[in-house]
Amino acid sequence: MFFTRAKGEQYKLQGHLRRICDLTSPNLPRQEEFRGLNRQNRTIPILLTPWEDGMPVVSDTATALTKDISDHGLCVTLSQPFRCEEAVVGFWLPQVQDYNPWFFLSLVRQHVSIGGGFWAMGLEAVELLTVSSGSELARLLPLVKQLLPPKVVETTPPSAMIY
């Protein structure tokens, strides 16, 4: 990496960035609120759909980013409020061998504004949902497919790639 600033400025900048990381580390519990759950920082795009009367409300589907994931649920970051009591969370990870999306029925446990127009939502996963042809959940397949990253064309020169 090429730096054009003086070393003193670099150290000052690095110190501030390290302080941001130290103050916001989601894996370090506060003294007064220790959680027995093992949480892992993961930023993964997900599909979020309200669940009402035993079916997804496809017209109100949104995308969000995971903040952290535990054995029992996850916290997601949204760019707008998302009001519901139950939601379907959809993942589609290309690394999974069966290459199919996963859907979890989840209970909304927390929904708070975190500033800057962003919201955090805590979700408790309660059931793994299966998609059968003709089911209402199958209507989410075209939407969840949009979570997959675009294929990188081998002929694209490294200088043209966006990181």
N, C-alpha and C. Protein backbone atom coordinates (compact mmCIF):
# COMPACT_ATOMS: atom_id res chain seq x y z
N MET A 1 0.84 -1.17 0.00
CA MET A 1 0.00 0.00 0.00
C MET A 1 0.89 1.23 0.00
N PHE A 2 0.56 2.23 -0.78
CA PHE A 2 1.37 3.43 -0.92
C PHE A 2 0.75 4.56 -0.10
N PHE A 3 1.55 5.17 0.76
CA PHE A 3 1.08 6.26 1.61
C PHE A 3 1.73 7.56 1.15
N THR A 4 0.93 8.61 1.05
CA THR A 4 1.48 9.91 0.66
C THR A 4 1.59 10.84 1.85
N ARG A 5 1.12 10.46 3.00
CA ARG A 5 1.15 11.30 4.19
C ARG A 5 2.38 10.97 5.05
N ALA A 6 2.69 11.88 5.92
CA ALA A 6 3.81 11.67 6.83
C ALA A 6 3.49 10.55 7.81
N LYS A 7 4.53 9.89 8.32
CA LYS A 7 4.33 8.77 9.26
C LYS A 7 3.55 9.20 10.49
N GLY A 8 3.76 10.38 10.98
CA GLY A 8 3.03 10.86 12.16
C GLY A 8 1.53 10.90 11.92
N GLU A 9 1.14 11.33 10.74
CA GLU A 9 -0.27 11.37 10.37
C GLU A 9 -0.84 9.96 10.25
N GLN A 10 -0.03 9.04 9.71
CA GLN A 10 -0.47 7.65 9.58
C GLN A 10 -0.76 7.05 10.95
N TYR A 11 0.14 7.25 11.91
CA TYR A 11 -0.04 6.70 13.25
C TYR A 11 -1.26 7.31 13.94
N LYS A 12 -1.48 8.59 13.74
CA LYS A 12 -2.64 9.25 14.32
C LYS A 12 -3.93 8.66 13.75
N LEU A 13 -3.95 8.47 12.44
CA LEU A 13 -5.11 7.89 11.77
C LEU A 13 -5.34 6.46 12.24
N GLN A 14 -4.28 5.64 12.29
CA GLN A 14 -4.40 4.25 12.71
C GLN A 14 -4.92 4.15 14.15
N GLY A 15 -4.46 5.03 15.01
CA GLY A 15 -4.91 5.02 16.40
C GLY A 15 -6.41 5.27 16.51
N HIS A 16 -6.91 6.20 15.72
CA HIS A 16 -8.35 6.49 15.75
C HIS A 16 -9.16 5.32 15.20
N LEU A 17 -8.69 4.72 14.10
CA LEU A 17 -9.41 3.57 13.54
C LEU A 17 -9.40 2.38 14.49
N ARG A 18 -8.28 2.13 15.17
CA ARG A 18 -8.23 1.06 16.17
C ARG A 18 -9.20 1.34 17.31
N ARG A 19 -9.31 2.59 17.71
CA ARG A 19 -10.21 2.96 18.81
C ARG A 19 -11.67 2.71 18.42
N ILE A 20 -12.02 3.01 17.16
CA ILE A 20 -13.37 2.71 16.68
C ILE A 20 -13.63 1.22 16.79
N CYS A 21 -12.69 0.40 16.37
CA CYS A 21 -12.85 -1.07 16.45
C CYS A 21 -12.98 -1.51 17.90
N ASP A 22 -12.16 -0.96 18.79
CA ASP A 22 -12.21 -1.35 20.20
C ASP A 22 -13.54 -0.98 20.85
N LEU A 23 -14.08 0.18 20.50
CA LEU A 23 -15.33 0.65 21.11
C LEU A 23 -16.56 -0.04 20.56
N THR A 24 -16.48 -0.60 19.38
CA THR A 24 -17.67 -1.16 18.74
C THR A 24 -17.62 -2.65 18.52
N SER A 25 -16.67 -3.35 19.11
CA SER A 25 -16.56 -4.79 18.90
C SER A 25 -17.78 -5.50 19.45
N PRO A 26 -18.61 -6.11 18.58
CA PRO A 26 -19.82 -6.77 19.04
C PRO A 26 -19.57 -8.08 19.79
N ASN A 27 -18.37 -8.62 19.73
CA ASN A 27 -18.09 -9.88 20.41
C ASN A 27 -17.61 -9.68 21.84
N LEU A 28 -17.42 -8.46 22.28
CA LEU A 28 -17.01 -8.21 23.65
C LEU A 28 -18.21 -7.74 24.45
N PRO A 29 -18.72 -8.57 25.37
CA PRO A 29 -19.92 -8.17 26.12
C PRO A 29 -19.60 -7.05 27.10
N ARG A 30 -20.58 -6.17 27.29
CA ARG A 30 -20.44 -5.15 28.32
C ARG A 30 -20.51 -5.83 29.68
N GLN A 31 -19.93 -5.21 30.68
CA GLN A 31 -19.90 -5.79 32.01
C GLN A 31 -21.30 -6.10 32.53
N GLU A 32 -22.24 -5.19 32.31
CA GLU A 32 -23.58 -5.36 32.87
C GLU A 32 -24.48 -6.25 32.03
N GLU A 33 -24.08 -6.62 30.82
CA GLU A 33 -24.97 -7.43 29.99
C GLU A 33 -24.24 -8.60 29.35
N PHE A 34 -23.75 -9.51 30.14
CA PHE A 34 -23.07 -10.68 29.61
C PHE A 34 -24.09 -11.63 29.00
N ARG A 35 -23.80 -12.12 27.84
CA ARG A 35 -24.68 -13.08 27.17
C ARG A 35 -23.97 -14.42 27.10
N GLY A 36 -24.69 -15.46 27.35
CA GLY A 36 -24.11 -16.79 27.29
C GLY A 36 -24.01 -17.33 25.87
N LEU A 37 -24.50 -16.59 24.89
CA LEU A 37 -24.49 -17.05 23.50
C LEU A 37 -23.18 -16.71 22.83
N ASN A 38 -22.74 -17.57 21.97
CA ASN A 38 -21.55 -17.34 21.19
C ASN A 38 -21.95 -16.61 19.91
N ARG A 39 -21.59 -15.35 19.79
CA ARG A 39 -21.94 -14.55 18.61
C ARG A 39 -20.72 -14.40 17.72
N GLN A 40 -20.95 -14.49 16.42
CA GLN A 40 -19.89 -14.34 15.43
C GLN A 40 -20.21 -13.18 14.50
N ASN A 41 -19.23 -12.31 14.31
CA ASN A 41 -19.39 -11.20 13.37
C ASN A 41 -19.44 -11.78 11.96
N ARG A 42 -20.50 -11.54 11.26
CA ARG A 42 -20.60 -11.94 9.86
C ARG A 42 -21.47 -10.91 9.14
N THR A 43 -21.00 -10.43 8.02
CA THR A 43 -21.78 -9.51 7.21
C THR A 43 -22.19 -10.26 5.95
N ILE A 44 -23.48 -10.62 5.92
CA ILE A 44 -24.03 -11.42 4.82
C ILE A 44 -25.34 -10.76 4.40
N PRO A 45 -25.57 -10.57 3.11
CA PRO A 45 -26.88 -10.04 2.70
C PRO A 45 -27.96 -11.10 2.92
N ILE A 46 -29.10 -10.66 3.41
CA ILE A 46 -30.23 -11.57 3.65
C ILE A 46 -31.50 -10.98 3.09
N LEU A 47 -32.48 -11.83 2.93
CA LEU A 47 -33.82 -11.43 2.55
C LEU A 47 -34.66 -11.44 3.83
N LEU A 48 -35.46 -10.44 4.03
CA LEU A 48 -36.29 -10.33 5.22
C LEU A 48 -37.73 -10.08 4.79
N THR A 49 -38.62 -11.00 5.15
CA THR A 49 -40.02 -10.95 4.73
C THR A 49 -40.93 -11.12 5.94
N PRO A 50 -41.89 -10.22 6.14
CA PRO A 50 -42.84 -10.42 7.24
C PRO A 50 -43.61 -11.73 7.06
N TRP A 51 -43.97 -12.35 8.19
CA TRP A 51 -44.72 -13.61 8.20
C TRP A 51 -46.02 -13.35 8.93
N GLU A 52 -47.14 -13.48 8.23
CA GLU A 52 -48.45 -13.24 8.84
C GLU A 52 -49.40 -14.35 8.43
N ASP A 53 -50.16 -14.82 9.38
CA ASP A 53 -51.17 -15.86 9.13
C ASP A 53 -50.59 -17.09 8.44
N GLY A 54 -49.38 -17.49 8.84
CA GLY A 54 -48.77 -18.70 8.32
C GLY A 54 -48.21 -18.61 6.92
N MET A 55 -48.00 -17.38 6.43
CA MET A 55 -47.43 -17.22 5.08
C MET A 55 -46.62 -15.94 4.97
N PRO A 56 -45.67 -15.90 4.03
CA PRO A 56 -44.86 -14.69 3.87
C PRO A 56 -45.64 -13.59 3.17
N VAL A 57 -45.39 -12.35 3.57
CA VAL A 57 -45.98 -11.19 2.90
C VAL A 57 -44.93 -10.70 1.90
N VAL A 58 -44.94 -11.30 0.72
CA VAL A 58 -43.88 -11.10 -0.28
C VAL A 58 -43.77 -9.63 -0.70
N SER A 59 -44.87 -8.93 -0.75
CA SER A 59 -44.85 -7.53 -1.20
C SER A 59 -44.09 -6.62 -0.24
N ASP A 60 -43.88 -7.04 1.00
CA ASP A 60 -43.16 -6.22 1.98
C ASP A 60 -41.73 -6.71 2.22
N THR A 61 -41.20 -7.50 1.31
CA THR A 61 -39.85 -8.06 1.44
C THR A 61 -38.80 -6.96 1.33
N ALA A 62 -37.76 -7.08 2.14
CA ALA A 62 -36.63 -6.14 2.12
C ALA A 62 -35.33 -6.93 2.19
N THR A 63 -34.24 -6.27 1.90
CA THR A 63 -32.93 -6.86 2.09
C THR A 63 -32.25 -6.16 3.25
N ALA A 64 -31.35 -6.88 3.90
CA ALA A 64 -30.63 -6.34 5.04
C ALA A 64 -29.26 -7.01 5.08
N LEU A 65 -28.42 -6.55 6.00
CA LEU A 65 -27.11 -7.16 6.22
C LEU A 65 -27.04 -7.69 7.64
N THR A 66 -26.49 -8.89 7.78
CA THR A 66 -26.31 -9.41 9.13
C THR A 66 -25.19 -8.64 9.81
N LYS A 67 -25.35 -8.46 11.11
CA LYS A 67 -24.32 -7.84 11.94
C LYS A 67 -23.58 -8.93 12.69
N ASP A 68 -24.35 -9.80 13.30
CA ASP A 68 -23.77 -10.98 13.95
C ASP A 68 -24.78 -12.11 13.94
N ILE A 69 -24.25 -13.32 14.11
CA ILE A 69 -25.07 -14.53 14.06
C ILE A 69 -24.69 -15.40 15.25
N SER A 70 -25.70 -15.97 15.91
CA SER A 70 -25.45 -16.90 17.02
C SER A 70 -26.15 -18.22 16.70
N ASP A 71 -26.07 -19.16 17.63
CA ASP A 71 -26.74 -20.44 17.45
C ASP A 71 -28.26 -20.31 17.47
N HIS A 72 -28.77 -19.22 18.02
CA HIS A 72 -30.21 -19.06 18.20
C HIS A 72 -30.83 -17.98 17.33
N GLY A 73 -30.02 -17.18 16.66
CA GLY A 73 -30.59 -16.11 15.86
C GLY A 73 -29.53 -15.20 15.28
N LEU A 74 -29.96 -13.99 14.97
CA LEU A 74 -29.06 -13.04 14.35
C LEU A 74 -29.52 -11.62 14.59
N CYS A 75 -28.60 -10.69 14.37
CA CYS A 75 -28.92 -9.27 14.38
C CYS A 75 -28.65 -8.76 12.98
N VAL A 76 -29.58 -7.98 12.45
CA VAL A 76 -29.43 -7.44 11.11
C VAL A 76 -29.48 -5.92 11.15
N THR A 77 -28.87 -5.30 10.16
CA THR A 77 -28.89 -3.85 10.00
C THR A 77 -29.73 -3.53 8.78
N LEU A 78 -30.66 -2.58 8.97
CA LEU A 78 -31.60 -2.18 7.92
C LEU A 78 -31.48 -0.68 7.66
N SER A 79 -31.84 -0.26 6.45
CA SER A 79 -31.80 1.16 6.12
C SER A 79 -33.15 1.84 6.34
N GLN A 80 -34.11 1.13 6.91
CA GLN A 80 -35.43 1.70 7.21
C GLN A 80 -36.09 0.83 8.27
N PRO A 81 -37.07 1.37 8.98
CA PRO A 81 -37.76 0.53 9.97
C PRO A 81 -38.48 -0.63 9.28
N PHE A 82 -38.59 -1.74 10.00
CA PHE A 82 -39.23 -2.94 9.45
C PHE A 82 -40.09 -3.51 10.56
N ARG A 83 -41.36 -3.21 10.55
CA ARG A 83 -42.26 -3.58 11.64
C ARG A 83 -42.99 -4.89 11.36
N CYS A 84 -42.75 -5.87 12.21
CA CYS A 84 -43.48 -7.13 12.17
C CYS A 84 -43.11 -7.90 13.44
N GLU A 85 -43.89 -8.90 13.77
CA GLU A 85 -43.60 -9.73 14.94
C GLU A 85 -42.87 -11.00 14.57
N GLU A 86 -43.16 -11.51 13.37
CA GLU A 86 -42.48 -12.70 12.85
C GLU A 86 -41.99 -12.39 11.45
N ALA A 87 -40.87 -12.99 11.08
CA ALA A 87 -40.30 -12.75 9.76
C ALA A 87 -39.63 -14.01 9.24
N VAL A 88 -39.55 -14.10 7.93
CA VAL A 88 -38.78 -15.14 7.27
C VAL A 88 -37.44 -14.51 6.91
N VAL A 89 -36.36 -15.17 7.31
CA VAL A 89 -35.02 -14.73 6.96
C VAL A 89 -34.48 -15.70 5.91
N GLY A 90 -34.08 -15.16 4.77
CA GLY A 90 -33.58 -15.99 3.68
C GLY A 90 -32.10 -15.76 3.43
N PHE A 91 -31.35 -16.86 3.38
CA PHE A 91 -29.92 -16.84 3.06
C PHE A 91 -29.73 -17.64 1.77
N TRP A 92 -28.79 -17.21 0.94
CA TRP A 92 -28.36 -18.04 -0.17
C TRP A 92 -26.86 -17.88 -0.30
N LEU A 93 -26.16 -18.87 0.19
CA LEU A 93 -24.70 -18.84 0.21
C LEU A 93 -24.16 -19.75 -0.88
N PRO A 94 -23.39 -19.22 -1.82
CA PRO A 94 -22.89 -20.07 -2.90
C PRO A 94 -21.91 -21.14 -2.42
N GLN A 95 -21.38 -21.00 -1.21
CA GLN A 95 -20.42 -21.99 -0.69
C GLN A 95 -21.10 -23.28 -0.23
N VAL A 96 -22.42 -23.25 -0.03
CA VAL A 96 -23.15 -24.42 0.47
C VAL A 96 -23.24 -25.45 -0.64
N GLN A 97 -22.96 -26.72 -0.28
CA GLN A 97 -22.86 -27.76 -1.29
C GLN A 97 -24.16 -28.01 -2.07
N ASP A 98 -25.30 -27.98 -1.39
CA ASP A 98 -26.54 -28.25 -2.12
C ASP A 98 -27.02 -27.04 -2.92
N TYR A 99 -26.38 -25.90 -2.73
CA TYR A 99 -26.63 -24.69 -3.50
C TYR A 99 -28.11 -24.32 -3.55
N ASN A 100 -28.75 -24.37 -2.40
CA ASN A 100 -30.14 -23.96 -2.28
C ASN A 100 -30.25 -22.91 -1.18
N PRO A 101 -31.25 -22.04 -1.27
CA PRO A 101 -31.41 -21.05 -0.21
C PRO A 101 -31.94 -21.70 1.06
N TRP A 102 -31.67 -21.06 2.18
CA TRP A 102 -32.20 -21.49 3.48
C TRP A 102 -33.14 -20.40 3.97
N PHE A 103 -34.27 -20.83 4.53
CA PHE A 103 -35.24 -19.90 5.08
C PHE A 103 -35.51 -20.27 6.54
N PHE A 104 -35.50 -19.27 7.40
CA PHE A 104 -35.76 -19.47 8.82
C PHE A 104 -36.95 -18.62 9.24
N LEU A 105 -37.92 -19.23 9.89
CA LEU A 105 -38.97 -18.46 10.53
C LEU A 105 -38.38 -17.92 11.82
N SER A 106 -38.53 -16.62 12.04
CA SER A 106 -37.88 -15.97 13.17
C SER A 106 -38.83 -15.03 13.89
N LEU A 107 -38.63 -14.90 15.19
CA LEU A 107 -39.37 -13.95 16.01
C LEU A 107 -38.55 -12.69 16.17
N VAL A 108 -39.20 -11.54 16.02
CA VAL A 108 -38.50 -10.27 16.21
C VAL A 108 -38.41 -10.02 17.71
N ARG A 109 -37.20 -9.92 18.22
CA ARG A 109 -36.97 -9.71 19.66
C ARG A 109 -36.60 -8.27 19.98
N GLN A 110 -36.02 -7.57 19.01
CA GLN A 110 -35.59 -6.19 19.25
C GLN A 110 -35.59 -5.45 17.92
N HIS A 111 -35.99 -4.19 17.96
CA HIS A 111 -36.00 -3.36 16.76
C HIS A 111 -35.75 -1.93 17.21
N VAL A 112 -34.53 -1.42 16.96
CA VAL A 112 -34.17 -0.10 17.48
C VAL A 112 -33.45 0.72 16.40
N SER A 113 -33.62 2.03 16.51
CA SER A 113 -32.88 2.95 15.66
C SER A 113 -31.46 3.03 16.20
N ILE A 114 -30.48 2.95 15.30
CA ILE A 114 -29.08 3.05 15.74
C ILE A 114 -28.44 4.34 15.24
N GLY A 115 -29.24 5.23 14.65
CA GLY A 115 -28.74 6.51 14.17
C GLY A 115 -28.40 6.49 12.70
N GLY A 116 -28.34 7.69 12.13
CA GLY A 116 -27.97 7.83 10.72
C GLY A 116 -28.99 7.25 9.76
N GLY A 117 -30.21 7.02 10.23
CA GLY A 117 -31.23 6.44 9.37
C GLY A 117 -31.18 4.92 9.30
N PHE A 118 -30.39 4.29 10.19
CA PHE A 118 -30.28 2.83 10.19
C PHE A 118 -30.96 2.24 11.41
N TRP A 119 -31.37 0.97 11.28
CA TRP A 119 -32.07 0.25 12.32
C TRP A 119 -31.40 -1.09 12.55
N ALA A 120 -31.43 -1.55 13.78
CA ALA A 120 -30.94 -2.89 14.11
C ALA A 120 -32.12 -3.73 14.56
N MET A 121 -32.17 -4.96 14.07
CA MET A 121 -33.25 -5.86 14.43
C MET A 121 -32.66 -7.17 14.92
N GLY A 122 -33.04 -7.56 16.13
CA GLY A 122 -32.63 -8.85 16.68
C GLY A 122 -33.70 -9.88 16.39
N LEU A 123 -33.30 -11.01 15.83
CA LEU A 123 -34.24 -12.06 15.44
C LEU A 123 -33.85 -13.39 16.07
N GLU A 124 -34.84 -14.08 16.62
CA GLU A 124 -34.63 -15.42 17.17
C GLU A 124 -35.17 -16.43 16.17
N ALA A 125 -34.30 -17.28 15.63
CA ALA A 125 -34.72 -18.31 14.67
C ALA A 125 -35.46 -19.41 15.41
N VAL A 126 -36.66 -19.76 14.94
CA VAL A 126 -37.47 -20.77 15.62
C VAL A 126 -37.76 -22.00 14.77
N GLU A 127 -37.63 -21.88 13.43
CA GLU A 127 -37.96 -23.02 12.58
C GLU A 127 -37.26 -22.89 11.23
N LEU A 128 -36.72 -23.99 10.74
CA LEU A 128 -36.17 -24.04 9.39
C LEU A 128 -37.33 -24.37 8.46
N LEU A 129 -37.56 -23.51 7.48
CA LEU A 129 -38.68 -23.70 6.55
C LEU A 129 -38.19 -24.37 5.27
N THR A 130 -39.01 -25.22 4.71
CA THR A 130 -38.66 -25.87 3.45
C THR A 130 -39.55 -25.33 2.34
N VAL A 131 -38.97 -25.23 1.17
CA VAL A 131 -39.68 -24.70 0.02
C VAL A 131 -40.18 -25.87 -0.82
N SER A 132 -41.48 -25.92 -1.02
CA SER A 132 -42.04 -26.92 -1.93
C SER A 132 -42.63 -26.18 -3.11
N SER A 133 -42.66 -26.84 -4.25
CA SER A 133 -43.19 -26.17 -5.44
C SER A 133 -44.65 -25.82 -5.23
N GLY A 134 -45.00 -24.63 -5.63
CA GLY A 134 -46.37 -24.15 -5.47
C GLY A 134 -46.65 -23.52 -4.12
N SER A 135 -45.71 -23.60 -3.18
CA SER A 135 -45.95 -22.99 -1.87
C SER A 135 -45.74 -21.48 -1.94
N GLU A 136 -46.29 -20.79 -0.98
CA GLU A 136 -46.11 -19.34 -0.91
C GLU A 136 -44.64 -18.99 -0.74
N LEU A 137 -43.89 -19.82 -0.04
CA LEU A 137 -42.47 -19.58 0.18
C LEU A 137 -41.69 -19.62 -1.14
N ALA A 138 -42.17 -20.39 -2.11
CA ALA A 138 -41.51 -20.49 -3.42
C ALA A 138 -41.51 -19.13 -4.13
N ARG A 139 -42.43 -18.25 -3.78
CA ARG A 139 -42.47 -16.92 -4.39
C ARG A 139 -41.26 -16.08 -3.98
N LEU A 140 -40.55 -16.49 -2.92
CA LEU A 140 -39.36 -15.75 -2.48
C LEU A 140 -38.10 -16.15 -3.27
N LEU A 141 -38.15 -17.25 -4.01
CA LEU A 141 -36.96 -17.74 -4.71
C LEU A 141 -36.34 -16.72 -5.68
N PRO A 142 -37.13 -16.04 -6.52
CA PRO A 142 -36.51 -15.05 -7.40
C PRO A 142 -35.88 -13.89 -6.63
N LEU A 143 -36.47 -13.55 -5.49
CA LEU A 143 -35.93 -12.44 -4.69
C LEU A 143 -34.65 -12.84 -3.96
N VAL A 144 -34.64 -14.05 -3.39
CA VAL A 144 -33.46 -14.47 -2.65
C VAL A 144 -32.29 -14.75 -3.59
N LYS A 145 -32.58 -15.06 -4.83
CA LYS A 145 -31.52 -15.29 -5.82
C LYS A 145 -30.69 -14.02 -6.04
N GLN A 146 -31.29 -12.87 -5.84
CA GLN A 146 -30.59 -11.60 -6.01
C GLN A 146 -29.49 -11.39 -4.96
N LEU A 147 -29.48 -12.21 -3.91
CA LEU A 147 -28.45 -12.11 -2.89
C LEU A 147 -27.11 -12.68 -3.36
N LEU A 148 -27.14 -13.52 -4.37
CA LEU A 148 -25.92 -14.14 -4.87
C LEU A 148 -25.02 -13.08 -5.51
N PRO A 149 -23.71 -13.16 -5.26
CA PRO A 149 -22.81 -12.18 -5.89
C PRO A 149 -22.71 -12.42 -7.39
N PRO A 150 -22.50 -11.36 -8.16
CA PRO A 150 -22.36 -11.54 -9.61
C PRO A 150 -21.08 -12.32 -9.91
N LYS A 151 -21.13 -13.06 -10.97
CA LYS A 151 -19.95 -13.84 -11.38
C LYS A 151 -18.90 -12.87 -11.92
N VAL A 152 -17.66 -13.11 -11.54
CA VAL A 152 -16.56 -12.30 -12.04
C VAL A 152 -16.08 -12.90 -13.35
N VAL A 153 -16.09 -12.13 -14.38
CA VAL A 153 -15.65 -12.61 -15.69
C VAL A 153 -14.13 -12.65 -15.69
N GLU A 154 -13.58 -13.78 -16.11
CA GLU A 154 -12.13 -13.98 -16.08
C GLU A 154 -11.38 -12.97 -16.94
N THR A 155 -12.02 -12.42 -17.93
CA THR A 155 -11.33 -11.50 -18.82
C THR A 155 -11.27 -10.09 -18.26
N THR A 156 -11.96 -9.84 -17.15
CA THR A 156 -11.94 -8.49 -16.57
C THR A 156 -10.57 -8.22 -16.00
N PRO A 157 -9.90 -7.15 -16.43
CA PRO A 157 -8.58 -6.86 -15.88
C PRO A 157 -8.69 -6.44 -14.42
N PRO A 158 -7.70 -6.77 -13.58
CA PRO A 158 -7.75 -6.43 -12.16
C PRO A 158 -7.96 -4.94 -11.91
N SER A 159 -7.47 -4.08 -12.79
CA SER A 159 -7.61 -2.63 -12.60
C SER A 159 -9.06 -2.18 -12.72
N ALA A 160 -9.92 -2.99 -13.39
CA ALA A 160 -11.32 -2.61 -13.58
C ALA A 160 -12.23 -3.17 -12.51
N MET A 161 -11.70 -4.03 -11.63
CA MET A 161 -12.52 -4.65 -10.60
C MET A 161 -12.74 -3.68 -9.44
N ILE A 162 -13.92 -3.72 -8.86
CA ILE A 162 -14.26 -2.90 -7.70
C ILE A 162 -14.12 -3.75 -6.47
N TYR A 163 -13.36 -3.29 -5.50
CA TYR A 163 -13.14 -4.05 -4.27
C TYR A 163 -13.91 -3.46 -3.13
